[in-house]
Amino acid sequence: MTERGFTLWMTGLSGSGKTTLAKMAEQEIRSRGLKVEVLDGEEFRTHLSQGLGFSKEDRDMNIRRIGFVCHLLARNGIVAVASAISPYRTLRDEIRKHIGAFIEVYVKCPLETCIQRDEKGLYRKARAGEIAHVTGISDPYEEPLNPEVIVETDQETPEESLAKILQKLEDLDYLPGQPREEAESIPEEEVYSIEEEDKIKKRLQDLGYI
């Protein structure tokens, strides 16, 4: 396991569960001894992308800025967890190519479920024609073709989805495994003595297993 910076990129519709999973992933990654920062699309707009609207050009600019910050963090050994709708496939692929150490997580959830979760009423307003450029209603969302991880948040608990993400990070050697229980935590009476081990080995030899 080589500790290095990388980008964990959460993409999906508004209300799919990206922010929840990003925060859960942040806690788990930090607990394993790595430095980590979460870049939330909405918060990013408030602090670093003020003045941008929701046209395709402005959205692309916002996502490129998030990608640039992710690149800087990863280059300095920090894990960047990005949570952004990032609806356009070409731009996500562009950021992947630029960063290199890029793990794409498709937070998949049916539009109707996202609408049910929509506390801000964005989808309702979009359907009523009150606001424009809402992904899934008046703007397209282009699903990833080959993401490293797909989580289905309408069918999985957040913990189940997180487990899939962490397992992939471990498989790709980005994340150390969970620390194992110390040997002293095993009750002493459950530890085999040398004599007992010899008897077990002899028995296995007699049966032809060793």
Protein backbone atom coordinates (compact mmCIF):
# COMPACT_ATOMS: atom_id res chain seq x y z
CA MET A 1 0.00 0.00 0.00
CA THR A 2 1.51 3.30 -1.13
CA GLU A 3 -0.08 6.32 0.49
CA ARG A 4 -0.66 9.00 -2.13
CA GLY A 5 -3.17 11.63 -2.99
CA PHE A 6 -6.07 10.78 -5.26
CA THR A 7 -9.49 12.07 -6.23
CA LEU A 8 -12.72 10.30 -5.34
CA TRP A 9 -15.32 11.85 -7.67
CA MET A 10 -19.00 11.43 -6.80
CA THR A 11 -21.34 12.13 -9.72
CA GLY A 12 -25.11 11.78 -9.91
CA LEU A 13 -28.39 13.64 -9.90
CA SER A 14 -29.29 16.17 -7.24
CA GLY A 15 -30.74 14.22 -4.32
CA SER A 16 -29.03 10.96 -5.22
CA GLY A 17 -26.97 10.92 -2.03
CA LYS A 18 -23.57 12.25 -3.16
CA THR A 19 -23.03 14.62 -0.25
CA THR A 20 -24.03 12.05 2.36
CA LEU A 21 -21.61 9.50 0.94
CA ALA A 22 -18.84 12.08 0.52
CA LYS A 23 -19.02 13.00 4.20
CA MET A 24 -19.11 9.34 5.27
CA ALA A 25 -16.14 8.57 3.01
CA GLU A 26 -14.26 11.55 4.45
CA GLN A 27 -14.60 10.22 8.00
CA GLU A 28 -13.56 6.70 7.06
CA ILE A 29 -10.57 7.77 4.97
CA ARG A 30 -9.37 10.08 7.73
CA SER A 31 -9.72 7.28 10.28
CA ARG A 32 -7.23 5.29 8.22
CA GLY A 33 -4.56 7.92 8.60
CA LEU A 34 -4.91 9.86 5.34
CA LYS A 35 -5.42 13.59 4.85
CA VAL A 36 -8.72 14.30 3.12
CA GLU A 37 -10.82 17.25 1.97
CA VAL A 38 -14.39 17.29 0.65
CA LEU A 39 -15.26 19.60 -2.22
CA ASP A 40 -19.03 20.01 -2.43
CA GLY A 41 -20.41 21.43 -5.67
CA GLU A 42 -22.90 23.77 -4.02
CA GLU A 43 -20.44 25.03 -1.41
CA PHE A 44 -17.84 25.53 -4.13
CA ARG A 45 -20.24 27.78 -6.01
CA THR A 46 -20.78 29.87 -2.88
CA HIS A 47 -17.10 30.40 -2.12
CA LEU A 48 -15.07 30.04 -5.33
CA SER A 49 -17.50 30.22 -8.21
CA GLN A 50 -19.61 33.22 -7.30
CA GLY A 51 -21.23 34.82 -10.30
CA LEU A 52 -21.49 31.64 -12.35
CA GLY A 53 -24.93 30.64 -13.56
CA PHE A 54 -26.23 27.27 -14.68
CA SER A 55 -25.67 27.41 -18.42
CA LYS A 56 -23.54 24.60 -19.83
CA GLU A 57 -20.58 26.97 -20.13
CA ASP A 58 -20.86 28.12 -16.50
CA ARG A 59 -21.37 24.59 -15.25
CA ASP A 60 -18.31 23.43 -17.14
CA MET A 61 -16.29 26.27 -15.63
CA ASN A 62 -17.41 25.36 -12.10
CA ILE A 63 -16.56 21.68 -12.59
CA ARG A 64 -13.17 22.55 -14.10
CA ARG A 65 -12.40 24.65 -11.03
CA ILE A 66 -13.32 21.78 -8.73
CA GLY A 67 -11.17 19.46 -10.83
CA PHE A 68 -8.24 21.87 -10.65
CA VAL A 69 -8.42 22.05 -6.85
CA CYS A 70 -8.68 18.25 -6.69
CA HIS A 71 -5.55 18.03 -8.82
CA LEU A 72 -3.64 20.38 -6.50
CA LEU A 73 -4.73 18.46 -3.40
CA ALA A 74 -3.90 15.06 -4.87
CA ARG A 75 -0.53 16.31 -6.09
CA ASN A 76 0.29 17.23 -2.50
CA GLY A 77 -0.66 13.87 -1.04
CA ILE A 78 -4.19 14.77 0.03
CA VAL A 79 -7.32 12.80 -0.83
CA ALA A 80 -9.91 14.99 -2.54
CA VAL A 81 -13.52 13.85 -2.33
CA ALA A 82 -15.60 15.75 -4.89
CA SER A 83 -19.39 15.78 -4.69
CA ALA A 84 -20.84 17.42 -7.78
CA ILE A 85 -23.60 16.59 -10.26
CA SER A 86 -21.04 17.04 -13.08
CA PRO A 87 -23.59 15.98 -15.70
CA TYR A 88 -21.39 15.95 -18.80
CA ARG A 89 -19.37 12.84 -19.54
CA THR A 90 -16.75 14.54 -21.72
CA LEU A 91 -15.82 16.97 -18.95
CA ARG A 92 -15.56 14.23 -16.33
CA ASP A 93 -13.26 12.31 -18.66
CA GLU A 94 -11.21 15.46 -19.21
CA ILE A 95 -10.71 15.87 -15.46
CA ARG A 96 -9.86 12.18 -15.09
CA LYS A 97 -7.14 12.53 -17.72
CA HIS A 98 -5.74 15.64 -16.04
CA ILE A 99 -5.65 14.20 -12.51
CA GLY A 100 -4.70 10.60 -13.28
CA ALA A 101 -5.41 9.12 -9.84
CA PHE A 102 -9.16 9.43 -10.31
CA ILE A 103 -11.87 7.11 -9.00
CA GLU A 104 -15.32 7.81 -10.40
CA VAL A 105 -18.33 6.83 -8.29
CA TYR A 106 -21.68 6.89 -10.04
CA VAL A 107 -24.26 7.59 -7.36
CA LYS A 108 -27.17 6.10 -9.24
CA CYS A 109 -30.73 6.87 -8.24
CA PRO A 110 -34.00 7.11 -10.21
CA LEU A 111 -35.18 10.64 -10.91
CA GLU A 112 -38.51 10.06 -9.16
CA THR A 113 -36.73 9.02 -5.97
CA CYS A 114 -34.53 12.12 -6.15
CA ILE A 115 -37.65 14.24 -6.57
CA GLN A 116 -39.16 12.69 -3.44
CA ARG A 117 -35.99 13.61 -1.52
CA ASP A 118 -35.87 17.17 -2.88
CA GLU A 119 -36.30 19.39 0.17
CA LYS A 120 -35.49 22.57 -1.78
CA GLY A 121 -38.19 21.92 -4.36
CA LEU A 122 -35.83 22.41 -7.33
CA TYR A 123 -37.39 19.63 -9.36
CA ARG A 124 -40.92 20.87 -8.66
CA LYS A 125 -39.98 24.39 -9.75
CA ALA A 126 -38.25 23.05 -12.87
CA ARG A 127 -41.31 21.03 -13.88
CA ALA A 128 -43.46 24.09 -13.34
CA GLY A 129 -41.16 26.12 -15.58
CA GLU A 130 -40.15 28.45 -12.74
CA ILE A 131 -36.43 27.74 -13.08
CA ALA A 132 -34.28 26.51 -15.97
CA HIS A 133 -31.19 24.34 -16.37
CA VAL A 134 -32.11 21.68 -13.79
CA THR A 135 -30.33 18.42 -14.51
CA GLY A 136 -32.74 15.57 -15.13
CA ILE A 137 -35.62 17.88 -16.05
CA SER A 138 -34.55 20.56 -18.51
CA ASP A 139 -30.87 19.63 -18.81
CA PRO A 140 -29.42 16.18 -19.54
CA TYR A 141 -27.43 13.93 -17.27
CA GLU A 142 -24.94 11.70 -19.08
CA GLU A 143 -24.35 8.52 -17.09
CA PRO A 144 -20.75 7.32 -16.72
CA LEU A 145 -19.86 4.52 -19.11
CA ASN A 146 -17.12 2.86 -17.07
CA PRO A 147 -17.08 4.19 -13.50
CA GLU A 148 -14.93 2.41 -10.97
CA VAL A 149 -17.93 2.11 -8.63
CA ILE A 150 -21.70 2.18 -9.06
CA VAL A 151 -23.83 2.58 -5.95
CA GLU A 152 -27.62 2.42 -6.14
CA THR A 153 -28.88 4.54 -3.29
CA ASP A 154 -32.54 3.68 -3.79
CA GLN A 155 -31.71 0.02 -3.10
CA GLU A 156 -28.76 0.21 -0.69
CA THR A 157 -28.29 1.74 2.73
CA PRO A 158 -25.64 4.48 2.92
CA GLU A 159 -23.44 2.02 4.82
CA GLU A 160 -23.73 -0.56 2.05
CA SER A 161 -22.88 2.00 -0.60
CA LEU A 162 -19.91 3.24 1.42
CA ALA A 163 -18.64 -0.31 1.84
CA LYS A 164 -18.57 -0.76 -1.95
CA ILE A 165 -16.58 2.45 -2.36
CA LEU A 166 -14.07 1.57 0.36
CA GLN A 167 -13.61 -1.94 -1.00
CA LYS A 168 -12.75 -0.57 -4.44
CA LEU A 169 -10.26 1.89 -2.93
CA GLU A 170 -8.61 -0.99 -1.10
CA ASP A 171 -8.59 -3.15 -4.24
CA LEU A 172 -6.91 -0.34 -6.18
CA ASP A 173 -4.33 0.09 -3.42
CA TYR A 174 -5.39 3.64 -2.61
CA LEU A 175 -6.62 2.89 0.90
CA PRO A 176 -5.11 0.79 3.68
CA GLY A 177 -7.34 -1.94 5.07
CA GLN A 178 -9.02 -1.70 8.41
CA PRO A 179 -6.68 -2.37 11.33
CA ARG A 180 -7.00 -5.90 12.61
CA GLU A 181 -7.73 -6.79 16.20
CA GLU A 182 -4.62 -7.06 18.33
CA ALA A 183 -3.54 -10.54 19.28
CA GLU A 184 -3.99 -9.82 22.99
CA SER A 185 -7.71 -9.30 22.40
CA ILE A 186 -8.07 -13.05 21.76
CA PRO A 187 -8.98 -14.88 24.97
CA GLU A 188 -5.98 -16.84 26.19
CA GLU A 189 -7.92 -20.07 26.50
CA GLU A 190 -8.71 -19.97 22.76
CA VAL A 191 -5.03 -19.95 21.73
CA TYR A 192 -3.61 -23.38 20.89
CA SER A 193 -0.64 -24.63 22.86
CA ILE A 194 2.37 -26.10 21.04
CA GLU A 195 1.28 -29.60 22.08
CA GLU A 196 -2.21 -29.04 20.70
CA GLU A 197 -0.81 -27.69 17.42
CA ASP A 198 1.40 -30.78 17.10
CA LYS A 199 -1.59 -33.06 17.65
CA ILE A 200 -3.61 -31.19 15.00
CA LYS A 201 -0.73 -31.37 12.50
CA LYS A 202 -0.30 -35.10 13.18
CA ARG A 203 -4.01 -35.70 12.65
CA LEU A 204 -3.99 -33.77 9.35
CA GLN A 205 -0.94 -35.78 8.22
CA ASP A 206 -2.70 -39.05 9.02
CA LEU A 207 -5.67 -37.90 6.94
CA GLY A 208 -3.40 -36.95 4.05
CA TYR A 209 -4.12 -33.20 4.11
CA ILE A 210 -0.52 -32.18 4.83
